[in-house]
Amino acid sequence: MTKLTRRQFLGTSAAGALAAPHVWVKPAWAQQKQVSILTWSHFVPAYDKWFDQWGQEWAAKNGVKLTIDHIPHLNLPAKIAAEVATQTGHDIVQMAASGTEKWAPALLDVNDLADKLGKKYGGWTPLAENYSMVKGKYFSIPDYFIDFPGLYRKDLWTEIGMPNGPDTWDELRVGGAKLKAKGFPIGIGLAHHNDSRNSWRAIMWCHGGSEVAKDGKTVTWNSKEVREGLKYFRALYKEAMTPEVLSWDDASNNRLLASGRGSWIHNPISAYRTIEGQNKELADKIHISLSPKGPAGRLSFANCLAYGITKFSKNQDVAKSFLEALTDSYKDAFRASTGYNNPFLKGYAKGPLPIISEDPKLKLLEKSPEYHFTQGYPGPVTAASDEVYQQFVMIDACAQFCSDKMDLEQTVKWAEEKIKGIYAKFV
């Protein structure tokens, strides 16, 4: 045994005293990266299955712990708001139809990533820019949009001399009235659900009406065009539909078509996909048409979805890497959605697209990016336009007019006051 002198002992003890207590700290380079994502429950379950699996494979390759939480789309705004209020929660949040401006103060500026992806894939479509840009910068990465074509029973429309279904809203009213008389009404919801506020906006726009001007500030509801649109709404409701649409949810028009009783619905192709898996004989009778056009042209509503990275996230670089990889995998995602997730990037939009370009029934949907818009049209998606959308102002006005609870002028005045009240909050 080696003997220590008193001086050696004291020196050793002092060194030990200075070093103690010792705490092992995992160096930053050795800590596992992680990222958490809040997203909606997709209407095509196969897409969520693909997304979750793809995400975990990406995470495994990159040494990332990945968490994906799916919730119903109508719950997303409240959940995001709660996380922003507490400054805790997910690194990546998905905005479904609510626009980016509303959340921009709580989101990371991702203009660098958006520019990189735009240059790589031929630029972003105007719809993507409108949805994800705020004051000239991207605060979210556009993911995809959901179009609203017409889904019609070709056999029934052939019987009334319209084998290709209705191409205009007036043809829908006339043909729909004939088919309703045969026991096959058309179906567009007029209640507090997503499809209703999308479809009725499309009709209004096609008649030249809008809630707000191109400047995104001037309320334009009190107009001749809006009155014409409202009169058309009521005629379509009374002549071609049933009162049950006043209490529908997002799945009701799908169920109408699947029952064999519906002749036409305005809906994403998820309704057709569901019927394909349940009743092939009926699915063979269902065809797809472009969303109808009106006096002001062919304009339809697009449900847009984009991902934002929260400012409070401690994993922002990892989050950016995830979104870049997801965008690079768009074609696989599109196929997994069975043609439901439409492209925001011009390089992808020019086609050919998986599934859509391969199926004669669906090929016409290649035109979707050309005529789809979102709330705030003809201007940008703003926090004000989104609140009008979220509060179902237009739907409540239409429902009251169609069910004779208000006359035309009362309806115009009631909605105008509501819309102006909302926009006044954002001046």
Protein backbone atom coordinates (compact mmCIF):
# COMPACT_ATOMS: atom_id res chain seq x y z
CA MET A 1 0.00 0.00 0.00
CA THR A 2 1.36 3.38 -0.87
CA LYS A 3 1.59 5.77 2.03
CA LEU A 4 0.37 9.37 1.62
CA THR A 5 2.02 12.25 3.35
CA ARG A 6 -0.22 14.67 5.24
CA ARG A 7 0.31 17.28 2.54
CA GLN A 8 -0.58 14.76 -0.19
CA PHE A 9 -3.69 13.72 1.69
CA LEU A 10 -4.87 17.26 2.20
CA GLY A 11 -4.25 18.09 -1.47
CA THR A 12 -6.22 15.10 -2.61
CA SER A 13 -9.06 15.86 -0.23
CA ALA A 14 -9.23 19.48 -1.33
CA ALA A 15 -9.45 18.45 -4.98
CA GLY A 16 -12.23 16.02 -4.12
CA ALA A 17 -14.07 18.66 -2.14
CA LEU A 18 -13.95 21.07 -5.05
CA ALA A 19 -15.25 18.44 -7.51
CA ALA A 20 -18.11 17.18 -5.34
CA PRO A 21 -20.95 16.72 -5.71
CA HIS A 22 -20.60 15.30 -9.24
CA VAL A 23 -23.71 15.32 -11.51
CA TRP A 24 -23.57 13.55 -14.84
CA VAL A 25 -25.05 15.81 -17.55
CA LYS A 26 -25.84 14.29 -20.91
CA PRO A 27 -24.08 16.42 -23.51
CA ALA A 28 -26.36 18.22 -25.99
CA TRP A 29 -25.05 16.22 -28.93
CA ALA A 30 -26.02 12.97 -27.21
CA GLN A 31 -29.57 13.99 -26.21
CA GLN A 32 -32.32 12.41 -28.30
CA LYS A 33 -34.11 14.82 -30.58
CA GLN A 34 -37.89 14.90 -30.44
CA VAL A 35 -40.86 16.52 -32.14
CA SER A 36 -44.60 16.42 -31.47
CA ILE A 37 -47.36 17.05 -34.03
CA LEU A 38 -51.01 18.03 -33.67
CA THR A 39 -53.05 17.11 -36.73
CA TRP A 40 -56.60 16.28 -37.71
CA SER A 41 -58.22 12.88 -38.09
CA HIS A 42 -58.23 12.51 -41.88
CA PHE A 43 -61.48 11.63 -43.65
CA VAL A 44 -59.55 8.92 -45.49
CA PRO A 45 -58.32 6.64 -42.66
CA ALA A 46 -55.75 5.06 -44.96
CA TYR A 47 -53.94 8.38 -45.09
CA ASP A 48 -53.54 8.58 -41.32
CA LYS A 49 -52.21 5.04 -41.33
CA TRP A 50 -49.63 6.02 -43.97
CA PHE A 51 -48.77 9.30 -42.24
CA ASP A 52 -48.17 7.67 -38.86
CA GLN A 53 -46.06 4.88 -40.35
CA TRP A 54 -44.08 7.24 -42.59
CA GLY A 55 -43.50 9.52 -39.63
CA GLN A 56 -42.14 6.76 -37.44
CA GLU A 57 -39.87 5.53 -40.23
CA TRP A 58 -38.54 9.06 -40.71
CA ALA A 59 -38.05 9.39 -36.96
CA ALA A 60 -36.14 6.11 -36.74
CA LYS A 61 -33.79 7.13 -39.56
CA ASN A 62 -33.09 10.48 -37.96
CA GLY A 63 -32.88 9.47 -34.31
CA VAL A 64 -35.99 11.42 -33.37
CA LYS A 65 -38.69 10.60 -30.85
CA LEU A 66 -41.91 11.42 -32.72
CA THR A 67 -45.39 11.93 -31.25
CA ILE A 68 -48.43 12.40 -33.51
CA ASP A 69 -51.82 13.32 -32.04
CA HIS A 70 -54.93 13.21 -34.24
CA ILE A 71 -58.12 15.07 -33.25
CA PRO A 72 -61.38 15.96 -35.11
CA HIS A 73 -60.86 18.92 -37.44
CA LEU A 74 -63.49 21.10 -35.77
CA ASN A 75 -61.56 20.81 -32.49
CA LEU A 76 -58.25 22.03 -33.89
CA PRO A 77 -58.77 25.81 -33.44
CA ALA A 78 -59.70 25.46 -29.75
CA LYS A 79 -56.79 23.11 -29.08
CA ILE A 80 -54.27 25.39 -30.79
CA ALA A 81 -55.67 28.40 -28.91
CA ALA A 82 -55.26 26.58 -25.59
CA GLU A 83 -51.63 25.71 -26.37
CA VAL A 84 -50.85 29.27 -27.46
CA ALA A 85 -52.40 30.60 -24.23
CA THR A 86 -50.28 28.33 -22.04
CA GLN A 87 -47.20 28.44 -24.29
CA THR A 88 -46.95 24.68 -24.02
CA GLY A 89 -47.86 21.83 -26.28
CA HIS A 90 -46.97 20.59 -29.74
CA ASP A 91 -43.98 21.64 -31.83
CA ILE A 92 -45.98 21.45 -35.06
CA VAL A 93 -49.68 22.33 -35.32
CA GLN A 94 -51.91 21.80 -38.32
CA MET A 95 -54.29 24.52 -39.41
CA ALA A 96 -57.32 23.08 -41.17
CA ALA A 97 -59.28 25.75 -43.05
CA SER A 98 -58.61 28.42 -40.40
CA GLY A 99 -55.88 30.33 -42.21
CA THR A 100 -52.44 31.35 -41.00
CA GLU A 101 -52.84 35.04 -40.13
CA LYS A 102 -54.96 34.18 -37.11
CA TRP A 103 -52.12 32.19 -35.57
CA ALA A 104 -49.10 34.01 -37.04
CA PRO A 105 -48.10 35.84 -33.81
CA ALA A 106 -47.58 32.45 -32.16
CA LEU A 107 -45.82 30.80 -35.11
CA LEU A 108 -42.24 30.70 -36.30
CA ASP A 109 -41.35 32.55 -39.50
CA VAL A 110 -40.67 29.68 -41.92
CA ASN A 111 -40.04 31.78 -45.01
CA ASP A 112 -36.60 30.22 -45.49
CA LEU A 113 -38.02 26.70 -45.69
CA ALA A 114 -40.97 27.77 -47.86
CA ASP A 115 -38.58 29.48 -50.31
CA LYS A 116 -36.37 26.39 -50.43
CA LEU A 117 -39.32 24.11 -51.18
CA GLY A 118 -40.82 26.55 -53.68
CA LYS A 119 -37.58 26.72 -55.66
CA LYS A 120 -37.28 22.95 -55.59
CA TYR A 121 -40.80 22.26 -56.88
CA GLY A 122 -41.61 25.08 -59.30
CA GLY A 123 -43.14 27.58 -56.89
CA TRP A 124 -46.25 27.70 -54.75
CA THR A 125 -49.75 28.12 -56.19
CA PRO A 126 -51.66 31.37 -55.45
CA LEU A 127 -53.93 29.38 -53.16
CA ALA A 128 -50.95 28.31 -51.05
CA GLU A 129 -49.60 31.86 -50.88
CA ASN A 130 -53.00 33.20 -49.88
CA TYR A 131 -53.38 30.66 -47.11
CA SER A 132 -49.89 30.57 -45.59
CA MET A 133 -48.38 34.01 -46.16
CA VAL A 134 -48.79 36.94 -43.78
CA LYS A 135 -47.41 40.33 -44.84
CA GLY A 136 -45.26 38.74 -47.50
CA LYS A 137 -43.78 35.96 -45.36
CA TYR A 138 -44.68 32.33 -44.80
CA PHE A 139 -45.70 31.47 -41.26
CA SER A 140 -46.83 27.98 -42.20
CA ILE A 141 -45.81 25.34 -44.73
CA PRO A 142 -48.74 24.54 -47.06
CA ASP A 143 -49.47 20.82 -47.04
CA TYR A 144 -52.48 20.17 -49.29
CA PHE A 145 -55.99 21.35 -50.09
CA ILE A 146 -59.23 19.43 -50.41
CA ASP A 147 -61.39 20.23 -53.40
CA PHE A 148 -65.19 20.10 -53.63
CA PRO A 149 -66.37 18.60 -56.93
CA GLY A 150 -69.83 17.27 -57.70
CA LEU A 151 -70.54 13.57 -57.06
CA TYR A 152 -73.58 12.42 -59.03
CA ARG A 153 -75.54 9.31 -59.93
CA LYS A 154 -74.93 8.99 -63.67
CA ASP A 155 -77.82 6.55 -64.12
CA LEU A 156 -80.33 8.96 -62.57
CA TRP A 157 -79.12 12.04 -64.42
CA THR A 158 -79.11 10.08 -67.69
CA GLU A 159 -82.82 9.35 -67.16
CA ILE A 160 -83.57 13.10 -67.22
CA GLY A 161 -81.36 13.78 -70.24
CA MET A 162 -78.23 14.99 -68.45
CA PRO A 163 -75.81 12.02 -68.64
CA ASN A 164 -72.80 14.10 -67.60
CA GLY A 165 -74.54 15.60 -64.61
CA PRO A 166 -75.06 19.34 -64.03
CA ASP A 167 -72.33 21.71 -65.19
CA THR A 168 -74.03 24.87 -63.87
CA TRP A 169 -75.79 25.65 -60.63
CA ASP A 170 -78.99 26.35 -62.52
CA GLU A 171 -78.79 22.94 -64.22
CA LEU A 172 -78.44 21.47 -60.74
CA ARG A 173 -81.60 23.24 -59.60
CA VAL A 174 -83.65 22.21 -62.64
CA GLY A 175 -82.38 18.63 -62.79
CA GLY A 176 -82.40 18.29 -59.02
CA ALA A 177 -86.08 19.24 -58.89
CA LYS A 178 -86.92 16.51 -61.40
CA LEU A 179 -84.97 13.91 -59.46
CA LYS A 180 -86.42 14.98 -56.11
CA ALA A 181 -89.86 14.36 -57.61
CA LYS A 182 -88.68 10.81 -58.38
CA GLY A 183 -87.50 10.34 -54.79
CA PHE A 184 -83.82 11.20 -55.36
CA PRO A 185 -83.06 14.64 -53.87
CA ILE A 186 -79.72 16.39 -53.96
CA GLY A 187 -77.94 17.17 -50.70
CA ILE A 188 -76.01 20.20 -49.43
CA GLY A 189 -76.00 20.69 -45.67
CA LEU A 190 -77.33 23.90 -44.13
CA ALA A 191 -76.16 23.52 -40.54
CA HIS A 192 -73.09 24.04 -38.35
CA HIS A 193 -70.63 21.75 -40.08
CA ASN A 194 -67.68 22.24 -42.37
CA ASP A 195 -69.16 21.19 -45.71
CA SER A 196 -72.06 23.64 -45.42
CA ARG A 197 -69.92 26.75 -44.99
CA ASN A 198 -67.76 25.62 -47.92
CA SER A 199 -70.45 24.69 -50.45
CA TRP A 200 -72.68 27.71 -49.92
CA ARG A 201 -69.71 30.05 -50.32
CA ALA A 202 -68.97 28.42 -53.67
CA ILE A 203 -72.52 29.13 -54.80
CA MET A 204 -72.35 32.73 -53.60
CA TRP A 205 -69.04 33.36 -55.37
CA CYS A 206 -70.39 31.85 -58.60
CA HIS A 207 -73.20 34.42 -58.46
CA GLY A 208 -70.69 37.25 -58.02
CA GLY A 209 -71.36 37.76 -54.32
CA SER A 210 -68.89 37.86 -51.46
CA GLU A 211 -68.61 38.83 -47.82
CA VAL A 212 -65.59 41.09 -48.30
CA ALA A 213 -63.76 42.90 -51.08
CA LYS A 214 -60.34 42.09 -52.54
CA ASP A 215 -58.72 44.45 -50.03
CA GLY A 216 -59.72 42.03 -47.27
CA LYS A 217 -61.34 44.87 -45.30
CA THR A 218 -64.41 46.28 -47.05
CA VAL A 219 -67.58 44.33 -46.27
CA THR A 220 -69.50 43.69 -49.50
CA TRP A 221 -72.41 41.56 -48.29
CA ASN A 222 -75.08 44.20 -48.99
CA SER A 223 -75.08 43.84 -52.78
CA LYS A 224 -77.24 42.88 -55.73
CA GLU A 225 -75.05 39.80 -56.31
CA VAL A 226 -75.50 38.53 -52.76
CA ARG A 227 -79.26 38.96 -53.09
CA GLU A 228 -79.22 36.95 -56.32
CA GLY A 229 -77.19 34.26 -54.61
CA LEU A 230 -79.60 34.12 -51.67
CA LYS A 231 -82.60 33.82 -53.99
CA TYR A 232 -80.87 30.94 -55.75
CA PHE A 233 -80.11 29.27 -52.39
CA ARG A 234 -83.76 29.23 -51.43
CA ALA A 235 -84.93 27.99 -54.81
CA LEU A 236 -82.39 25.15 -54.73
CA TYR A 237 -83.34 24.21 -51.18
CA LYS A 238 -87.07 24.23 -51.79
CA GLU A 239 -87.07 22.62 -55.24
CA ALA A 240 -84.32 20.01 -55.00
CA MET A 241 -83.62 19.20 -51.33
CA THR A 242 -85.35 18.10 -48.14
CA PRO A 243 -85.61 19.97 -44.80
CA GLU A 244 -83.32 17.39 -43.17
CA VAL A 245 -80.30 19.33 -44.50
CA LEU A 246 -80.98 21.93 -41.80
CA SER A 247 -79.74 19.48 -39.16
CA TRP A 248 -76.99 17.67 -41.07
CA ASP A 249 -73.38 17.07 -40.07
CA ASP A 250 -70.35 16.55 -42.32
CA ALA A 251 -71.16 12.88 -42.92
CA SER A 252 -74.85 13.34 -43.73
CA ASN A 253 -74.49 14.03 -47.44
CA ASN A 254 -72.12 11.06 -47.68
CA ARG A 255 -74.80 8.89 -46.07
CA LEU A 256 -77.45 10.24 -48.44
CA LEU A 257 -75.38 9.22 -51.45
CA ALA A 258 -74.46 5.86 -49.90
CA SER A 259 -78.10 5.08 -49.17
CA GLY A 260 -78.92 5.09 -52.88
CA ARG A 261 -81.46 7.86 -52.30
CA GLY A 262 -79.22 10.81 -53.16
CA SER A 263 -78.71 11.98 -56.74
CA TRP A 264 -75.96 14.61 -56.24
CA ILE A 265 -73.76 15.99 -53.48
CA HIS A 266 -71.04 18.65 -53.31
CA ASN A 267 -68.23 16.92 -51.48
CA PRO A 268 -64.63 15.73 -51.60
CA ILE A 269 -64.13 12.32 -53.18
CA SER A 270 -63.92 10.68 -49.73
CA ALA A 271 -67.66 9.97 -50.07
CA TYR A 272 -67.02 8.07 -53.30
CA ARG A 273 -64.08 6.20 -51.78
CA THR A 274 -66.18 5.06 -48.83
CA ILE A 275 -68.94 3.76 -51.09
CA GLU A 276 -66.33 1.94 -53.21
CA GLY A 277 -65.40 -0.11 -50.19
CA GLN A 278 -68.98 -0.82 -49.16
CA ASN A 279 -71.12 -1.11 -52.27
CA LYS A 280 -69.27 -1.55 -55.57
CA GLU A 281 -72.48 -1.72 -57.58
CA LEU A 282 -73.54 1.71 -56.34
CA ALA A 283 -70.00 3.11 -56.67
CA ASP A 284 -69.99 2.17 -60.36
CA LYS A 285 -73.02 4.45 -60.84
CA ILE A 286 -71.38 7.42 -59.14
CA HIS A 287 -69.37 9.80 -61.32
CA ILE A 288 -67.43 12.98 -60.65
CA SER A 289 -67.99 16.41 -62.22
CA LEU A 290 -66.34 19.76 -61.75
CA SER A 291 -67.96 21.99 -59.16
CA PRO A 292 -70.77 23.80 -61.06
CA LYS A 293 -70.29 27.25 -62.52
CA GLY A 294 -72.58 30.25 -62.28
CA PRO A 295 -73.04 33.69 -63.85
CA ALA A 296 -69.67 34.83 -62.43
CA GLY A 297 -67.77 31.70 -63.44
CA ARG A 298 -66.63 28.44 -61.88
CA LEU A 299 -65.38 29.04 -58.35
CA SER A 300 -65.32 26.51 -55.56
CA PHE A 301 -64.15 26.37 -51.98
CA ALA A 302 -60.93 24.65 -51.00
CA ASN A 303 -60.35 23.31 -47.52
CA CYS A 304 -56.69 24.20 -47.02
CA LEU A 305 -54.31 22.55 -44.57
CA ALA A 306 -50.89 23.79 -43.52
CA TYR A 307 -48.41 23.14 -40.72
CA GLY A 308 -47.03 25.83 -38.44
CA ILE A 309 -44.16 25.54 -35.99
CA THR A 310 -44.89 27.08 -32.61
CA LYS A 311 -42.63 29.80 -31.25
CA PHE A 312 -42.55 28.07 -27.88
CA SER A 313 -41.21 24.86 -29.44
CA LYS A 314 -37.78 23.81 -28.25
CA ASN A 315 -37.40 21.58 -31.31
CA GLN A 316 -37.81 24.03 -34.17
CA ASP A 317 -34.94 22.75 -36.32
CA VAL A 318 -36.20 19.18 -36.05
CA ALA A 319 -39.71 20.39 -36.88
CA LYS A 320 -38.41 22.09 -40.03
CA SER A 321 -36.62 18.91 -41.07
CA PHE A 322 -39.83 16.92 -40.62
CA LEU A 323 -41.89 19.31 -42.75
CA GLU A 324 -39.26 19.38 -45.48
CA ALA A 325 -39.19 15.59 -45.64
CA LEU A 326 -42.99 15.43 -45.65
CA THR A 327 -43.16 17.83 -48.59
CA ASP A 328 -40.54 15.79 -50.45
CA SER A 329 -42.81 12.74 -49.96
CA TYR A 330 -45.91 14.46 -51.36
CA LYS A 331 -46.58 11.97 -54.16
CA ASP A 332 -46.57 9.06 -51.73
CA ALA A 333 -48.88 11.03 -49.44
CA PHE A 334 -51.21 11.83 -52.33
CA ARG A 335 -51.44 8.17 -53.27
CA ALA A 336 -52.06 7.21 -49.64
CA SER A 337 -54.96 9.69 -49.55
CA THR A 338 -56.44 7.97 -52.63
CA GLY A 339 -56.38 11.25 -54.53
CA TYR A 340 -57.85 13.40 -51.76
CA ASN A 341 -54.87 15.62 -50.84
CA ASN A 342 -54.47 18.10 -53.69
CA PRO A 343 -51.11 19.80 -54.40
CA PHE A 344 -50.06 23.30 -53.36
CA LEU A 345 -46.78 23.20 -55.29
CA LYS A 346 -46.84 23.98 -59.01
CA GLY A 347 -44.41 21.21 -59.83
CA TYR A 348 -46.74 18.64 -58.38
CA ALA A 349 -49.92 20.36 -59.62
CA LYS A 350 -48.94 20.22 -63.30
CA GLY A 351 -49.16 16.44 -63.08
CA PRO A 352 -49.44 13.74 -63.93
CA LEU A 353 -50.72 12.97 -60.46
CA PRO A 354 -50.91 9.52 -58.92
CA ILE A 355 -54.42 8.05 -59.01
CA ILE A 356 -56.16 11.22 -60.29
CA SER A 357 -54.39 11.16 -63.65
CA GLU A 358 -54.69 7.36 -63.85
CA ASP A 359 -58.48 7.12 -63.30
CA PRO A 360 -60.75 8.34 -66.16
CA LYS A 361 -63.45 9.17 -63.60
CA LEU A 362 -61.14 11.45 -61.65
CA LYS A 363 -58.83 12.89 -64.31
CA LEU A 364 -60.85 16.11 -64.60
CA LEU A 365 -59.84 16.90 -61.01
CA GLU A 366 -56.40 17.84 -62.36
CA LYS A 367 -58.08 21.22 -62.96
CA SER A 368 -58.90 21.71 -59.26
CA PRO A 369 -56.07 24.16 -58.44
CA GLU A 370 -57.34 26.49 -61.16
CA TYR A 371 -60.70 27.39 -59.62
CA HIS A 372 -60.55 26.71 -55.89
CA PHE A 373 -60.33 29.51 -53.34
CA THR A 374 -60.86 29.87 -49.62
CA GLN A 375 -62.52 32.15 -47.06
CA GLY A 376 -61.87 35.83 -47.60
CA TYR A 377 -62.25 35.47 -51.39
CA PRO A 378 -61.62 37.55 -53.47
CA GLY A 379 -59.13 38.84 -50.91
CA PRO A 380 -56.71 37.11 -48.55
CA VAL A 381 -57.53 34.81 -45.66
CA THR A 382 -57.51 37.13 -42.66
CA ALA A 383 -58.26 36.67 -38.98
CA ALA A 384 -61.54 38.52 -39.58
CA SER A 385 -62.63 36.39 -42.54
CA ASP A 386 -61.78 33.30 -40.54
CA GLU A 387 -63.94 34.39 -37.62
CA VAL A 388 -66.89 35.00 -39.96
CA TYR A 389 -66.24 31.48 -41.28
CA GLN A 390 -65.88 29.90 -37.84
CA GLN A 391 -69.06 31.55 -36.53
CA PHE A 392 -71.18 30.20 -39.42
CA VAL A 393 -72.60 33.66 -40.11
CA MET A 394 -73.33 32.96 -43.75
CA ILE A 395 -74.87 29.56 -43.01
CA ASP A 396 -77.16 30.94 -40.33
CA ALA A 397 -78.30 33.66 -42.71
CA CYS A 398 -78.98 31.18 -45.52
CA ALA A 399 -80.78 28.72 -43.24
CA GLN A 400 -83.09 31.43 -41.88
CA PHE A 401 -83.88 32.68 -45.37
CA CYS A 402 -84.39 29.24 -46.91
CA SER A 403 -86.73 28.19 -44.08
CA ASP A 404 -88.74 31.45 -44.36
CA LYS A 405 -87.77 32.75 -40.92
CA MET A 406 -86.53 35.98 -42.52
CA ASP A 407 -87.31 37.72 -45.78
CA LEU A 408 -84.59 38.75 -48.20
CA GLU A 409 -83.91 42.22 -46.82
CA GLN A 410 -83.96 41.04 -43.21
CA THR A 411 -81.45 38.34 -44.11
CA VAL A 412 -79.10 40.78 -45.83
CA LYS A 413 -79.28 43.25 -42.94
CA TRP A 414 -78.85 40.60 -40.22
CA ALA A 415 -75.76 39.07 -41.81
CA GLU A 416 -74.26 42.43 -42.74
CA GLU A 417 -74.43 43.58 -39.11
CA LYS A 418 -72.79 40.36 -37.95
CA ILE A 419 -69.99 40.55 -40.53
CA LYS A 420 -69.31 44.24 -39.94
CA GLY A 421 -69.21 43.65 -36.19
CA ILE A 422 -66.56 40.99 -36.63
CA TYR A 423 -64.44 43.01 -39.05
CA ALA A 424 -64.61 46.05 -36.75
CA LYS A 425 -62.72 44.08 -34.09
CA PHE A 426 -59.72 43.71 -36.37
CA VAL A 427 -59.37 47.28 -37.60
